[in-house]
Amino acid sequence: MNWFRFASPASFYPLAGRLAPWFGGGAAGFAAAGLYIGLIAAPTDATQGDAYRIIFVHVATAWMSMFIYLVMAFWCAVSLMFNARLAAMMAQALAPTGALFTALALVTGALWGKPTWGTYWAWDARMTSELILLFLYFGYMALRQAIDEPRRADRASAVLALVGAINVPIIYFSVKWWNTLHQEASVSLTSAPTMAAVMLTGMLLLALAAWFYSIAIALTRVRAIILERERHAGWVGEAALAVRGVR
């Protein structure tokens, strides 16, 4: 199969339509299983009580806030290097979901911080760098909206996204570089997890749910972006008729 043909918006549009429902269904299944484990099956923590259960949502959203930004920056780099329209559209489609997960990570972190640290917010290195990530998402989207010509908007916002990518490793390593309130990662690729297996399972299931949701919503959103930006192409009219069942 020639995968390069899907670099064309016209070819990618129907593929995205076929894949989005599958990823959406997977997200729902993983979320149901993860929430059952996190809220019901997982035991109560000996020191934090039931307040710790917010980590099942907090960790998944925090992971996705950083991962989506890196993927968005990757598509921005592809759009700059190859002048690829679809890559710019993919970055544009990912930004709102990344901003959503970043906001959820900040809110759930604050709710977890109150019973744990006695305060909703402290200008901790990780909290502050995560807040900067939210501003970077907002800045990316605002810059796109401020420029009327789509190709100029692609290039300007791509540069901003690539410069802002330096904040992601700062978020990740902040707990190692500075003395922060935030605990170090409980899950690492280089060491054994520091939590019970059932807790880790619930956390990973919700992370998969967030990942599948992100793919599903990005595919759905990029289809709308393709229709808007390619509206003068002949195939767009045919696609619209097919959706309505006229053809």
Protein backbone atom coordinates (compact mmCIF):
# COMPACT_ATOMS: atom_id res chain seq x y z
CA MET A 1 0.00 0.00 0.00
CA ASN A 2 1.29 3.46 -0.90
CA TRP A 3 0.89 5.33 2.40
CA PHE A 4 2.22 8.55 0.88
CA ARG A 5 -1.01 9.04 -1.04
CA PHE A 6 -2.72 9.79 2.30
CA ALA A 7 -0.60 12.95 2.54
CA SER A 8 -3.22 14.48 0.27
CA PRO A 9 -6.20 16.01 2.14
CA ALA A 10 -8.56 14.49 -0.43
CA SER A 11 -7.22 10.98 0.26
CA PHE A 12 -6.91 11.38 4.01
CA TYR A 13 -10.44 12.76 4.51
CA PRO A 14 -12.31 9.43 3.97
CA LEU A 15 -9.65 7.46 5.89
CA ALA A 16 -10.06 9.76 8.90
CA GLY A 17 -13.82 9.26 8.72
CA ARG A 18 -13.42 5.48 8.86
CA LEU A 19 -10.88 5.48 11.70
CA ALA A 20 -12.45 8.05 14.05
CA PRO A 21 -15.38 5.86 15.26
CA TRP A 22 -13.04 2.96 16.07
CA PHE A 23 -10.77 5.12 18.17
CA GLY A 24 -13.81 6.73 19.82
CA GLY A 25 -15.18 3.31 20.75
CA GLY A 26 -11.79 2.25 22.10
CA ALA A 27 -11.62 5.41 24.20
CA ALA A 28 -15.01 4.69 25.73
CA GLY A 29 -14.06 1.09 26.55
CA PHE A 30 -10.71 1.96 28.10
CA ALA A 31 -12.29 4.82 30.08
CA ALA A 32 -15.01 2.58 31.51
CA ALA A 33 -12.49 -0.07 32.58
CA GLY A 34 -10.03 2.48 33.98
CA LEU A 35 -12.67 4.34 35.97
CA TYR A 36 -14.01 1.08 37.42
CA ILE A 37 -10.55 0.13 38.63
CA GLY A 38 -9.70 3.63 39.84
CA LEU A 39 -12.95 4.35 41.66
CA ILE A 40 -14.04 0.89 42.81
CA ALA A 41 -11.45 -1.88 42.51
CA ALA A 42 -8.34 0.00 43.66
CA PRO A 43 -7.80 0.00 47.43
CA THR A 44 -7.86 3.13 49.57
CA ASP A 45 -4.41 4.66 50.03
CA ALA A 46 -2.99 4.29 53.53
CA THR A 47 -1.85 7.91 53.84
CA GLN A 48 -4.04 9.94 51.45
CA GLY A 49 -7.28 8.02 51.78
CA ASP A 50 -9.68 8.21 48.83
CA ALA A 51 -8.39 11.65 47.82
CA TYR A 52 -5.57 9.96 45.92
CA ARG A 53 -8.04 8.54 43.37
CA ILE A 54 -7.90 11.80 41.42
CA ILE A 55 -4.46 10.72 40.20
CA PHE A 56 -6.12 8.28 37.79
CA VAL A 57 -7.43 11.27 35.84
CA HIS A 58 -4.66 13.72 36.73
CA VAL A 59 -1.76 11.58 35.54
CA ALA A 60 -3.46 10.62 32.26
CA THR A 61 -4.32 14.23 31.42
CA ALA A 62 -0.85 15.47 32.39
CA TRP A 63 0.83 12.85 30.20
CA MET A 64 -1.40 13.71 27.25
CA SER A 65 -0.91 17.46 27.66
CA MET A 66 2.82 17.01 27.01
CA PHE A 67 2.55 14.22 24.45
CA ILE A 68 0.04 16.08 22.28
CA TYR A 69 2.25 19.17 22.27
CA LEU A 70 5.20 17.11 21.03
CA VAL A 71 3.05 15.52 18.32
CA MET A 72 1.72 18.95 17.35
CA ALA A 73 5.28 20.29 17.15
CA PHE A 74 6.25 17.28 15.00
CA TRP A 75 3.48 18.04 12.49
CA CYS A 76 4.50 21.70 12.53
CA ALA A 77 8.08 20.69 11.66
CA VAL A 78 6.82 18.48 8.82
CA SER A 79 4.68 21.33 7.48
CA LEU A 80 7.65 23.70 7.49
CA MET A 81 10.15 21.26 5.95
CA PHE A 82 7.90 19.85 3.22
CA ASN A 83 5.32 22.64 2.87
CA ALA A 84 2.71 19.98 3.61
CA ARG A 85 -0.83 21.30 4.02
CA LEU A 86 -2.19 18.21 5.75
CA ALA A 87 0.58 18.29 8.38
CA ALA A 88 -0.36 21.88 9.27
CA MET A 89 -4.02 20.84 9.47
CA MET A 90 -3.14 17.97 11.82
CA ALA A 91 -1.27 20.35 14.12
CA GLN A 92 -4.24 22.73 14.05
CA ALA A 93 -6.61 19.86 14.90
CA LEU A 94 -4.54 18.72 17.89
CA ALA A 95 -4.15 22.10 19.62
CA PRO A 96 -7.64 22.40 21.22
CA THR A 97 -7.44 18.86 22.63
CA GLY A 98 -3.98 19.53 24.02
CA ALA A 99 -5.23 22.70 25.67
CA LEU A 100 -8.17 20.78 27.15
CA PHE A 101 -5.94 18.12 28.70
CA THR A 102 -3.54 20.76 30.03
CA ALA A 103 -6.41 22.61 31.70
CA LEU A 104 -7.72 19.35 33.18
CA ALA A 105 -4.24 18.48 34.47
CA LEU A 106 -4.01 21.85 36.21
CA VAL A 107 -7.50 21.63 37.72
CA THR A 108 -7.17 18.03 38.92
CA GLY A 109 -3.70 18.81 40.25
CA ALA A 110 -5.10 21.70 42.25
CA LEU A 111 -7.90 19.51 43.64
CA TRP A 112 -5.36 16.87 44.61
CA GLY A 113 -2.97 19.45 46.05
CA LYS A 114 -5.46 20.88 48.53
CA PRO A 115 -5.78 17.76 50.75
CA THR A 116 -2.17 16.73 50.09
CA TRP A 117 -0.24 20.01 50.43
CA GLY A 118 -2.87 22.21 52.07
CA THR A 119 -3.14 24.57 49.09
CA TYR A 120 -4.73 24.53 45.66
CA TRP A 121 -1.80 26.31 44.03
CA ALA A 122 1.85 26.98 44.71
CA TRP A 123 4.27 28.45 42.22
CA ASP A 124 5.96 25.09 42.04
CA ALA A 125 8.28 24.49 39.06
CA ARG A 126 6.10 21.76 37.57
CA MET A 127 2.83 23.61 38.12
CA THR A 128 4.23 26.81 36.64
CA SER A 129 5.74 25.11 33.59
CA GLU A 130 2.44 23.25 33.02
CA LEU A 131 0.62 26.59 33.17
CA ILE A 132 3.08 27.96 30.60
CA LEU A 133 2.19 24.98 28.40
CA LEU A 134 -1.47 26.02 28.53
CA PHE A 135 -0.49 29.54 27.47
CA LEU A 136 1.54 28.08 24.59
CA TYR A 137 -1.50 26.18 23.35
CA PHE A 138 -3.61 29.34 23.62
CA GLY A 139 -0.91 31.37 21.90
CA TYR A 140 -0.69 28.89 19.04
CA MET A 141 -4.44 28.96 18.47
CA ALA A 142 -4.68 32.75 18.84
CA LEU A 143 -1.86 33.32 16.35
CA ARG A 144 -3.57 31.10 13.79
CA GLN A 145 -6.80 33.05 14.19
CA ALA A 146 -5.02 36.40 13.92
CA ILE A 147 -3.64 35.66 10.42
CA ASP A 148 -6.19 35.48 7.63
CA GLU A 149 -4.04 33.77 4.99
CA PRO A 150 -3.91 30.04 5.91
CA ARG A 151 -0.38 29.31 4.64
CA ARG A 152 1.09 32.29 6.50
CA ALA A 153 -0.82 31.21 9.60
CA ASP A 154 0.64 27.70 9.20
CA ARG A 155 4.21 28.97 9.10
CA ALA A 156 3.93 31.53 11.91
CA SER A 157 2.14 29.18 14.32
CA ALA A 158 4.55 26.34 13.46
CA VAL A 159 7.53 28.46 14.50
CA LEU A 160 5.82 29.31 17.80
CA ALA A 161 4.99 25.65 18.45
CA LEU A 162 8.56 24.53 17.76
CA VAL A 163 10.07 27.19 20.01
CA GLY A 164 7.59 26.32 22.76
CA ALA A 165 8.51 22.61 22.59
CA ILE A 166 11.48 23.32 24.85
CA ASN A 167 8.97 23.69 27.71
CA VAL A 168 7.99 19.99 27.56
CA PRO A 169 11.30 18.59 28.87
CA ILE A 170 11.30 21.38 31.47
CA ILE A 171 7.93 20.10 32.74
CA TYR A 172 9.13 16.50 32.79
CA PHE A 173 12.47 17.08 34.50
CA SER A 174 11.40 19.93 36.78
CA VAL A 175 11.00 17.62 39.79
CA LYS A 176 14.59 16.44 39.30
CA TRP A 177 16.18 19.82 38.55
CA TRP A 178 14.54 21.83 41.34
CA ASN A 179 13.30 21.28 44.87
CA THR A 180 9.55 21.14 44.23
CA LEU A 181 6.39 20.20 46.11
CA HIS A 182 5.41 17.86 43.29
CA GLN A 183 6.44 14.26 43.79
CA GLU A 184 8.64 12.46 41.27
CA ALA A 185 7.10 10.19 38.67
CA SER A 186 5.56 6.98 40.00
CA VAL A 187 5.94 5.35 36.56
CA SER A 188 9.26 5.36 34.74
CA LEU A 189 10.73 3.51 31.76
CA THR A 190 13.98 2.96 33.64
CA SER A 191 12.73 1.72 37.03
CA ALA A 192 10.00 -0.41 38.56
CA PRO A 193 6.69 1.33 39.42
CA THR A 194 6.23 2.49 43.00
CA MET A 195 2.51 1.70 43.19
CA ALA A 196 0.32 -1.37 43.46
CA ALA A 197 -0.33 -3.29 40.22
CA VAL A 198 -4.09 -2.60 40.33
CA MET A 199 -3.46 1.15 40.64
CA LEU A 200 -0.97 1.09 37.77
CA THR A 201 -3.42 -0.86 35.62
CA GLY A 202 -6.19 1.68 36.18
CA MET A 203 -3.83 4.56 35.44
CA LEU A 204 -2.58 3.00 32.21
CA LEU A 205 -6.12 2.19 31.04
CA LEU A 206 -7.18 5.82 31.52
CA ALA A 207 -4.02 6.96 29.74
CA LEU A 208 -4.99 4.73 26.80
CA ALA A 209 -8.52 6.16 26.94
CA ALA A 210 -7.11 9.70 26.73
CA TRP A 211 -4.82 8.68 23.87
CA PHE A 212 -7.61 7.05 21.85
CA TYR A 213 -9.93 9.99 22.54
CA SER A 214 -7.26 12.41 21.32
CA ILE A 215 -6.86 10.49 18.07
CA ALA A 216 -10.61 10.22 17.52
CA ILE A 217 -11.32 13.90 18.15
CA ALA A 218 -8.28 15.02 16.12
CA LEU A 219 -9.41 12.93 13.14
CA THR A 220 -12.91 14.33 13.43
CA ARG A 221 -11.65 17.90 13.75
CA VAL A 222 -9.16 17.60 10.88
CA ARG A 223 -12.00 16.51 8.58
CA ALA A 224 -13.81 19.77 9.39
CA ILE A 225 -10.60 21.74 8.81
CA ILE A 226 -10.04 20.00 5.47
CA LEU A 227 -13.57 20.84 4.31
CA GLU A 228 -13.12 24.48 5.34
CA ARG A 229 -9.70 24.97 3.78
CA GLU A 230 -10.33 22.88 0.65
CA ARG A 231 -13.88 24.13 0.08
CA HIS A 232 -13.06 25.39 -3.42
CA ALA A 233 -11.83 21.98 -4.57
CA GLY A 234 -14.24 19.90 -6.61
CA TRP A 235 -13.93 16.79 -4.46
CA VAL A 236 -15.29 18.66 -1.40
CA GLY A 237 -18.68 19.13 -3.04
CA GLU A 238 -18.78 15.45 -3.96
CA ALA A 239 -17.91 14.47 -0.38
CA ALA A 240 -20.68 16.68 0.99
CA LEU A 241 -23.20 15.09 -1.35
CA ALA A 242 -22.04 11.62 -0.35
CA VAL A 243 -22.52 12.44 3.34
CA ARG A 244 -26.07 13.60 2.67
CA GLY A 245 -26.77 10.38 0.76
CA VAL A 246 -27.55 12.27 -2.46
CA ARG A 247 -24.91 10.55 -4.60
